[in-house]
Amino acid sequence: LSPYSMKILGIVTLYNPPKEVGENLSSYAPFLDGLYLWDNTAGGSNVDSLLSPEVAKRVLMHRRGRNVGIAMALNAAIDLALKEGYTHLLTMDQDSRFKEGTFQAYLRDVEADTDDKHWAFCPLINRDAQSRQPLKGLIVSGTILTRNCLEKVGQFFEPFVIDTLDTEYAFRILRDGGQIMLSSSGSLTHSLGQPLRRNFLCFHPVSLNYSPMRTYYISRNLLYLHRTQSGFSRPDL
């Protein structure tokens, strides 16, 4: 069990996980009380062989057998956390890891926060700074949600499947009176897409290089949010 007074569950969605996923998980999983691995890989991945004994003993594995995105996995983890009495839920991507020693500091920071309006906590992502302030948004990877948040805000919006579901969830946290806090104690290394850099005259544009289908869903979901965020309604997509 973790040495912290809170009881924390982690959720990671796997899809053709890279060989370094074991090292990524080892940067935080030994400090969790449980780790829910949701495997979207067709036929199942070989992730079991990549886990250290310290990580493996915390794992609850769910093999989906096909790619159903991450929203369904996150919601299954929320259900599990509420049912099993967890006080916090850590949401992670398979390609993210915490810099050495920073996840423990991040947990201490969250544990020491007694403000019941602080429903979500986010680490620094791909940068270093000293800051503690409210945020207007979050990304799935590295975020810690309190039980209060899970009970009041509820589940992620499954029709979004993957993209912008974190933005939509952040809107609801703020709408319902919660706050999202930045904690600079945690330092996360996180990958976005498959960046593609090109040279054009004196410019060096960078694209996240998503597939056409992924780009379509990002655009669709952002248009949906633009339409609905003022009233936080949910018309059919």
C-alpha atoms as a PDB file:
ATOM      1  CA  LEU A   1       0.000   0.000   0.000  1.00  0.00           C
ATOM      2  CA  SER A   2       1.055   3.593  -0.517  1.00  0.00           C
ATOM      3  CA  PRO A   3       2.472   5.448   2.521  1.00  0.00           C
ATOM      4  CA  TYR A   4      -0.118   8.210   2.155  1.00  0.00           C
ATOM      5  CA  SER A   5      -3.351   8.658   4.103  1.00  0.00           C
ATOM      6  CA  MET A   6      -5.367   8.834   0.894  1.00  0.00           C
ATOM      7  CA  LYS A   7      -6.322   5.683  -0.977  1.00  0.00           C
ATOM      8  CA  ILE A   8      -5.467   6.240  -4.634  1.00  0.00           C
ATOM      9  CA  LEU A   9      -6.342   4.252  -7.752  1.00  0.00           C
ATOM     10  CA  GLY A  10      -4.579   4.746 -11.071  1.00  0.00           C
ATOM     11  CA  ILE A  11      -6.100   4.123 -14.518  1.00  0.00           C
ATOM     12  CA  VAL A  12      -4.094   3.672 -17.722  1.00  0.00           C
ATOM     13  CA  THR A  13      -5.576   2.847 -21.122  1.00  0.00           C
ATOM     14  CA  LEU A  14      -3.288   0.679 -23.253  1.00  0.00           C
ATOM     15  CA  TYR A  15      -3.232   0.419 -27.035  1.00  0.00           C
ATOM     16  CA  ASN A  16      -0.286  -1.392 -28.624  1.00  0.00           C
ATOM     17  CA  PRO A  17       1.821  -0.220 -25.678  1.00  0.00           C
ATOM     18  CA  PRO A  18       5.471   0.643 -26.440  1.00  0.00           C
ATOM     19  CA  LYS A  19       8.273  -1.291 -24.765  1.00  0.00           C
ATOM     20  CA  GLU A  20       8.995   1.630 -22.422  1.00  0.00           C
ATOM     21  CA  VAL A  21       5.493   1.437 -20.911  1.00  0.00           C
ATOM     22  CA  GLY A  22       6.872  -0.654 -18.027  1.00  0.00           C
ATOM     23  CA  GLU A  23       9.311   2.109 -17.102  1.00  0.00           C
ATOM     24  CA  ASN A  24       6.563   4.708 -17.447  1.00  0.00           C
ATOM     25  CA  LEU A  25       4.312   2.819 -15.042  1.00  0.00           C
ATOM     26  CA  SER A  26       7.178   2.323 -12.593  1.00  0.00           C
ATOM     27  CA  SER A  27       7.548   6.096 -12.211  1.00  0.00           C
ATOM     28  CA  TYR A  28       4.301   6.259 -10.221  1.00  0.00           C
ATOM     29  CA  ALA A  29       2.566   2.856  -9.778  1.00  0.00           C
ATOM     30  CA  PRO A  30       4.618   1.740  -6.712  1.00  0.00           C
ATOM     31  CA  PHE A  31       3.023   4.632  -4.796  1.00  0.00           C
ATOM     32  CA  LEU A  32      -0.566   3.723  -5.672  1.00  0.00           C
ATOM     33  CA  ASP A  33      -2.976   1.457  -3.818  1.00  0.00           C
ATOM     34  CA  GLY A  34      -4.251  -0.031  -7.070  1.00  0.00           C
ATOM     35  CA  LEU A  35      -3.624   0.243 -10.828  1.00  0.00           C
ATOM     36  CA  TYR A  36      -6.386  -0.460 -13.334  1.00  0.00           C
ATOM     37  CA  LEU A  37      -4.958  -1.361 -16.753  1.00  0.00           C
ATOM     38  CA  TRP A  38      -7.548  -1.252 -19.534  1.00  0.00           C
ATOM     39  CA  ASP A  39      -6.113  -2.910 -22.647  1.00  0.00           C
ATOM     40  CA  ASN A  40      -7.645  -1.802 -25.965  1.00  0.00           C
ATOM     41  CA  THR A  41      -5.121  -3.782 -28.044  1.00  0.00           C
ATOM     42  CA  ALA A  42      -6.700  -6.187 -30.520  1.00  0.00           C
ATOM     43  CA  GLY A  43      -6.109  -9.666 -29.148  1.00  0.00           C
ATOM     44  CA  GLY A  44      -4.433  -8.247 -26.044  1.00  0.00           C
ATOM     45  CA  SER A  45      -0.967  -6.817 -25.559  1.00  0.00           C
ATOM     46  CA  ASN A  46       2.146  -8.296 -23.965  1.00  0.00           C
ATOM     47  CA  VAL A  47       2.171  -5.692 -21.222  1.00  0.00           C
ATOM     48  CA  ASP A  48       2.347  -8.346 -18.482  1.00  0.00           C
ATOM     49  CA  SER A  49       5.914  -9.158 -19.481  1.00  0.00           C
ATOM     50  CA  LEU A  50       6.912  -5.495 -19.191  1.00  0.00           C
ATOM     51  CA  LEU A  51       5.739  -4.964 -15.610  1.00  0.00           C
ATOM     52  CA  SER A  52       8.075  -5.001 -12.629  1.00  0.00           C
ATOM     53  CA  PRO A  53       6.980  -7.176  -9.678  1.00  0.00           C
ATOM     54  CA  GLU A  54       6.306  -3.998  -7.668  1.00  0.00           C
ATOM     55  CA  VAL A  55       3.876  -2.772 -10.318  1.00  0.00           C
ATOM     56  CA  ALA A  56       2.357  -6.149 -11.199  1.00  0.00           C
ATOM     57  CA  LYS A  57       1.097  -6.800  -7.665  1.00  0.00           C
ATOM     58  CA  ARG A  58      -1.050  -3.659  -7.852  1.00  0.00           C
ATOM     59  CA  VAL A  59      -2.605  -4.360 -11.249  1.00  0.00           C
ATOM     60  CA  LEU A  60      -6.193  -5.139 -12.073  1.00  0.00           C
ATOM     61  CA  MET A  61      -6.247  -6.012 -15.798  1.00  0.00           C
ATOM     62  CA  HIS A  62      -9.195  -5.598 -18.153  1.00  0.00           C
ATOM     63  CA  ARG A  63      -8.609  -6.781 -21.724  1.00  0.00           C
ATOM     64  CA  ARG A  64     -11.138  -5.236 -24.061  1.00  0.00           C
ATOM     65  CA  GLY A  65      -9.884  -6.926 -27.255  1.00  0.00           C
ATOM     66  CA  ARG A  66     -10.589  -3.918 -29.452  1.00  0.00           C
ATOM     67  CA  ASN A  67     -10.044  -0.166 -29.381  1.00  0.00           C
ATOM     68  CA  VAL A  68     -12.986   1.514 -27.669  1.00  0.00           C
ATOM     69  CA  GLY A  69     -11.111   4.716 -26.783  1.00  0.00           C
ATOM     70  CA  ILE A  70     -10.386   6.004 -23.302  1.00  0.00           C
ATOM     71  CA  ALA A  71     -13.692   7.461 -22.080  1.00  0.00           C
ATOM     72  CA  MET A  72     -15.156   4.031 -21.361  1.00  0.00           C
ATOM     73  CA  ALA A  73     -11.999   3.051 -19.472  1.00  0.00           C
ATOM     74  CA  LEU A  74     -12.043   6.228 -17.382  1.00  0.00           C
ATOM     75  CA  ASN A  75     -15.679   5.685 -16.473  1.00  0.00           C
ATOM     76  CA  ALA A  76     -15.044   2.075 -15.477  1.00  0.00           C
ATOM     77  CA  ALA A  77     -12.257   3.330 -13.200  1.00  0.00           C
ATOM     78  CA  ILE A  78     -14.578   5.933 -11.667  1.00  0.00           C
ATOM     79  CA  ASP A  79     -17.109   3.203 -10.904  1.00  0.00           C
ATOM     80  CA  LEU A  80     -14.390   1.035  -9.356  1.00  0.00           C
ATOM     81  CA  ALA A  81     -12.965   3.896  -7.279  1.00  0.00           C
ATOM     82  CA  LEU A  82     -16.370   4.785  -5.833  1.00  0.00           C
ATOM     83  CA  LYS A  83     -17.308   1.150  -5.177  1.00  0.00           C
ATOM     84  CA  GLU A  84     -14.017   0.221  -3.493  1.00  0.00           C
ATOM     85  CA  GLY A  85     -13.663   3.317  -1.308  1.00  0.00           C
ATOM     86  CA  TYR A  86     -10.770   5.061  -3.046  1.00  0.00           C
ATOM     87  CA  THR A  87     -10.332   8.713  -2.094  1.00  0.00           C
ATOM     88  CA  HIS A  88      -8.539   9.752  -5.310  1.00  0.00           C
ATOM     89  CA  LEU A  89      -8.221   8.680  -8.947  1.00  0.00           C
ATOM     90  CA  LEU A  90      -5.054   9.239 -10.990  1.00  0.00           C
ATOM     91  CA  THR A  91      -5.645   9.260 -14.756  1.00  0.00           C
ATOM     92  CA  MET A  92      -2.650   8.513 -16.996  1.00  0.00           C
ATOM     93  CA  ASP A  93      -1.651   7.889 -20.613  1.00  0.00           C
ATOM     94  CA  GLN A  94       0.590   4.951 -21.485  1.00  0.00           C
ATOM     95  CA  ASP A  95       3.298   7.229 -22.919  1.00  0.00           C
ATOM     96  CA  SER A  96       3.630   9.509 -19.873  1.00  0.00           C
ATOM     97  CA  ARG A  97       5.975   9.263 -16.927  1.00  0.00           C
ATOM     98  CA  PHE A  98       6.870  11.350 -13.894  1.00  0.00           C
ATOM     99  CA  LYS A  99      10.388  12.641 -13.423  1.00  0.00           C
ATOM    100  CA  GLU A 100      12.197  10.781 -10.658  1.00  0.00           C
ATOM    101  CA  GLY A 101      10.999  11.694  -7.180  1.00  0.00           C
ATOM    102  CA  THR A 102       8.332  14.139  -8.314  1.00  0.00           C
ATOM    103  CA  PHE A 103       5.299  11.859  -8.082  1.00  0.00           C
ATOM    104  CA  GLN A 104       5.867  11.333  -4.362  1.00  0.00           C
ATOM    105  CA  ALA A 105       6.106  15.115  -3.886  1.00  0.00           C
ATOM    106  CA  TYR A 106       2.948  15.559  -5.973  1.00  0.00           C
ATOM    107  CA  LEU A 107       1.050  13.114  -3.725  1.00  0.00           C
ATOM    108  CA  ARG A 108       2.247  14.917  -0.598  1.00  0.00           C
ATOM    109  CA  ASP A 109       1.021  18.189  -2.072  1.00  0.00           C
ATOM    110  CA  VAL A 110      -2.416  16.743  -2.845  1.00  0.00           C
ATOM    111  CA  GLU A 111      -2.610  15.034   0.556  1.00  0.00           C
ATOM    112  CA  ALA A 112      -1.859  18.300   2.377  1.00  0.00           C
ATOM    113  CA  ASP A 113      -4.575  20.222   0.520  1.00  0.00           C
ATOM    114  CA  THR A 114      -7.669  20.391   2.732  1.00  0.00           C
ATOM    115  CA  ASP A 115      -9.765  22.787   0.628  1.00  0.00           C
ATOM    116  CA  ASP A 116     -12.912  20.837  -0.284  1.00  0.00           C
ATOM    117  CA  LYS A 117     -13.379  22.983  -3.406  1.00  0.00           C
ATOM    118  CA  HIS A 118     -10.130  21.694  -4.912  1.00  0.00           C
ATOM    119  CA  TRP A 119     -11.513  18.779  -6.929  1.00  0.00           C
ATOM    120  CA  ALA A 120      -8.707  18.161  -9.403  1.00  0.00           C
ATOM    121  CA  PHE A 121      -4.929  18.516  -9.380  1.00  0.00           C
ATOM    122  CA  CYS A 122      -2.528  18.719 -12.321  1.00  0.00           C
ATOM    123  CA  PRO A 123       1.277  18.478 -12.418  1.00  0.00           C
ATOM    124  CA  LEU A 124       3.651  20.522 -14.528  1.00  0.00           C
ATOM    125  CA  ILE A 125       3.777  19.015 -18.012  1.00  0.00           C
ATOM    126  CA  ASN A 126       6.949  19.131 -20.114  1.00  0.00           C
ATOM    127  CA  ARG A 127       8.272  22.152 -18.240  1.00  0.00           C
ATOM    128  CA  ASP A 128       9.751  23.280 -14.930  1.00  0.00           C
ATOM    129  CA  ALA A 129       8.407  26.109 -12.808  1.00  0.00           C
ATOM    130  CA  GLN A 130       7.317  26.949  -9.297  1.00  0.00           C
ATOM    131  CA  SER A 131       3.636  27.677  -9.176  1.00  0.00           C
ATOM    132  CA  ARG A 132       0.422  26.835  -7.364  1.00  0.00           C
ATOM    133  CA  GLN A 133      -2.664  28.367  -8.884  1.00  0.00           C
ATOM    134  CA  PRO A 134      -6.157  27.575 -10.173  1.00  0.00           C
ATOM    135  CA  LEU A 135      -6.414  26.350 -13.764  1.00  0.00           C
ATOM    136  CA  LYS A 136      -9.199  26.551 -16.334  1.00  0.00           C
ATOM    137  CA  GLY A 137      -8.546  23.150 -17.863  1.00  0.00           C
ATOM    138  CA  LEU A 138      -6.777  19.826 -17.556  1.00  0.00           C
ATOM    139  CA  ILE A 139      -5.530  16.920 -19.633  1.00  0.00           C
ATOM    140  CA  VAL A 140      -6.166  13.300 -18.775  1.00  0.00           C
ATOM    141  CA  SER A 141      -2.547  12.342 -18.195  1.00  0.00           C
ATOM    142  CA  GLY A 142      -1.233  13.181 -14.742  1.00  0.00           C
ATOM    143  CA  THR A 143      -4.501  14.483 -13.293  1.00  0.00           C
ATOM    144  CA  ILE A 144      -5.650  13.463  -9.808  1.00  0.00           C
ATOM    145  CA  LEU A 145      -9.396  13.677  -9.174  1.00  0.00           C
ATOM    146  CA  THR A 146     -10.800  13.677  -5.645  1.00  0.00           C
ATOM    147  CA  ARG A 147     -13.672  11.481  -4.550  1.00  0.00           C
ATOM    148  CA  ASN A 148     -15.682  14.673  -4.104  1.00  0.00           C
ATOM    149  CA  CYS A 149     -15.132  15.390  -7.800  1.00  0.00           C
ATOM    150  CA  LEU A 150     -16.145  11.887  -8.879  1.00  0.00           C
ATOM    151  CA  GLU A 151     -19.339  12.057  -6.836  1.00  0.00           C
ATOM    152  CA  LYS A 152     -20.379  15.559  -7.912  1.00  0.00           C
ATOM    153  CA  VAL A 153     -19.176  15.770 -11.538  1.00  0.00           C
ATOM    154  CA  GLY A 154     -19.685  12.127 -12.414  1.00  0.00           C
ATOM    155  CA  GLN A 155     -18.421  10.355 -15.491  1.00  0.00           C
ATOM    156  CA  PHE A 156     -16.642  11.439 -18.648  1.00  0.00           C
ATOM    157  CA  PHE A 157     -18.696  12.050 -21.804  1.00  0.00           C
ATOM    158  CA  GLU A 158     -18.344   8.746 -23.662  1.00  0.00           C
ATOM    159  CA  PRO A 159     -19.430   9.981 -27.136  1.00  0.00           C
ATOM    160  CA  PHE A 160     -16.162  11.965 -27.255  1.00  0.00           C
ATOM    161  CA  VAL A 161     -14.285   8.621 -27.026  1.00  0.00           C
ATOM    162  CA  ILE A 162     -10.754  10.128 -26.881  1.00  0.00           C
ATOM    163  CA  ASP A 163     -10.304  13.774 -27.815  1.00  0.00           C
ATOM    164  CA  THR A 164     -11.441  16.851 -25.828  1.00  0.00           C
ATOM    165  CA  LEU A 165     -13.211  14.736 -23.217  1.00  0.00           C
ATOM    166  CA  ASP A 166     -10.790  16.236 -20.667  1.00  0.00           C
ATOM    167  CA  THR A 167     -11.768  19.767 -21.742  1.00  0.00           C
ATOM    168  CA  GLU A 168     -15.458  18.934 -21.418  1.00  0.00           C
ATOM    169  CA  TYR A 169     -14.883  17.415 -17.976  1.00  0.00           C
ATOM    170  CA  ALA A 170     -12.997  20.513 -16.840  1.00  0.00           C
ATOM    171  CA  PHE A 171     -15.948  22.684 -17.899  1.00  0.00           C
ATOM    172  CA  ARG A 172     -18.210  20.653 -15.638  1.00  0.00           C
ATOM    173  CA  ILE A 173     -15.818  20.816 -12.682  1.00  0.00           C
ATOM    174  CA  LEU A 174     -15.853  24.610 -12.901  1.00  0.00           C
ATOM    175  CA  ARG A 175     -19.591  24.743 -13.545  1.00  0.00           C
ATOM    176  CA  ASP A 176     -20.336  22.681 -10.454  1.00  0.00           C
ATOM    177  CA  GLY A 177     -18.239  24.873  -8.185  1.00  0.00           C
ATOM    178  CA  GLY A 178     -14.958  22.989  -8.058  1.00  0.00           C
ATOM    179  CA  GLN A 179     -11.445  24.183  -8.801  1.00  0.00           C
ATOM    180  CA  ILE A 180      -8.579  22.643 -10.760  1.00  0.00           C
ATOM    181  CA  MET A 181      -5.243  23.249  -9.089  1.00  0.00           C
ATOM    182  CA  LEU A 182      -1.751  23.282 -10.575  1.00  0.00           C
ATOM    183  CA  SER A 183       0.851  21.588  -8.402  1.00  0.00           C
ATOM    184  CA  SER A 184       4.428  22.247  -9.460  1.00  0.00           C
ATOM    185  CA  SER A 185       5.637  19.470  -7.163  1.00  0.00           C
ATOM    186  CA  GLY A 186       4.804  16.937  -9.861  1.00  0.00           C
ATOM    187  CA  SER A 187       6.694  17.006 -13.152  1.00  0.00           C
ATOM    188  CA  LEU A 188       5.272  14.918 -16.001  1.00  0.00           C
ATOM    189  CA  THR A 189       6.877  14.068 -19.318  1.00  0.00           C
ATOM    190  CA  HIS A 190       4.060  13.653 -21.813  1.00  0.00           C
ATOM    191  CA  SER A 191       3.901  13.011 -25.567  1.00  0.00           C
ATOM    192  CA  LEU A 192       1.352  14.664 -27.842  1.00  0.00           C
ATOM    193  CA  GLY A 193       0.659  12.945 -31.143  1.00  0.00           C
ATOM    194  CA  GLN A 194       3.555  12.207 -33.486  1.00  0.00           C
ATOM    195  CA  PRO A 195       4.976  15.697 -34.040  1.00  0.00           C
ATOM    196  CA  LEU A 196       6.013  16.528 -37.595  1.00  0.00           C
ATOM    197  CA  ARG A 197       8.306  19.512 -38.186  1.00  0.00           C
ATOM    198  CA  ARG A 198       8.739  21.199 -41.567  1.00  0.00           C
ATOM    199  CA  ASN A 199      10.874  24.081 -42.766  1.00  0.00           C
ATOM    200  CA  PHE A 200       9.254  26.860 -44.801  1.00  0.00           C
ATOM    201  CA  LEU A 201      11.381  29.952 -45.440  1.00  0.00           C
ATOM    202  CA  CYS A 202      12.246  31.226 -41.953  1.00  0.00           C
ATOM    203  CA  PHE A 203       9.360  29.360 -40.328  1.00  0.00           C
ATOM    204  CA  HIS A 204       9.404  25.923 -38.693  1.00  0.00           C
ATOM    205  CA  PRO A 205       5.770  24.827 -38.341  1.00  0.00           C
ATOM    206  CA  VAL A 206       5.002  21.760 -36.223  1.00  0.00           C
ATOM    207  CA  SER A 207       1.978  19.516 -36.679  1.00  0.00           C
ATOM    208  CA  LEU A 208       0.775  16.874 -34.201  1.00  0.00           C
ATOM    209  CA  ASN A 209       0.491  14.650 -37.295  1.00  0.00           C
ATOM    210  CA  TYR A 210      -2.752  12.892 -36.355  1.00  0.00           C
ATOM    211  CA  SER A 211      -4.564  10.664 -38.828  1.00  0.00           C
ATOM    212  CA  PRO A 212      -7.415  12.197 -40.897  1.00  0.00           C
ATOM    213  CA  MET A 213      -9.980  10.307 -38.795  1.00  0.00           C
ATOM    214  CA  ARG A 214      -8.455  11.515 -35.532  1.00  0.00           C
ATOM    215  CA  THR A 215      -8.319  15.078 -36.872  1.00  0.00           C
ATOM    216  CA  TYR A 216     -12.010  14.833 -37.822  1.00  0.00           C
ATOM    217  CA  TYR A 217     -13.026  13.818 -34.298  1.00  0.00           C
ATOM    218  CA  ILE A 218     -10.887  16.526 -32.689  1.00  0.00           C
ATOM    219  CA  SER A 219     -12.572  19.134 -34.911  1.00  0.00           C
ATOM    220  CA  ARG A 220     -16.056  17.698 -34.343  1.00  0.00           C
ATOM    221  CA  ASN A 221     -15.679  17.620 -30.579  1.00  0.00           C
ATOM    222  CA  LEU A 222     -14.252  21.138 -30.402  1.00  0.00           C
ATOM    223  CA  LEU A 223     -17.183  22.460 -32.451  1.00  0.00           C
ATOM    224  CA  TYR A 224     -19.537  20.672 -30.068  1.00  0.00           C
ATOM    225  CA  LEU A 225     -17.866  22.291 -27.071  1.00  0.00           C
ATOM    226  CA  HIS A 226     -17.973  25.709 -28.693  1.00  0.00           C
ATOM    227  CA  ARG A 227     -21.709  25.262 -29.188  1.00  0.00           C
ATOM    228  CA  THR A 228     -22.522  23.941 -25.729  1.00  0.00           C
ATOM    229  CA  GLN A 229     -20.061  25.297 -23.178  1.00  0.00           C
ATOM    230  CA  SER A 230     -22.074  28.415 -22.321  1.00  0.00           C
ATOM    231  CA  GLY A 231     -25.067  26.355 -21.249  1.00  0.00           C
ATOM    232  CA  PHE A 232     -23.282  23.086 -20.549  1.00  0.00           C
ATOM    233  CA  SER A 233     -26.054  21.244 -22.340  1.00  0.00           C
ATOM    234  CA  ARG A 234     -25.530  17.981 -24.240  1.00  0.00           C
ATOM    235  CA  PRO A 235     -27.410  17.861 -27.527  1.00  0.00           C
ATOM    236  CA  ASP A 236     -26.890  14.836 -29.702  1.00  0.00           C
ATOM    237  CA  LEU A 237     -23.641  14.818 -31.648  1.00  0.00           C
END
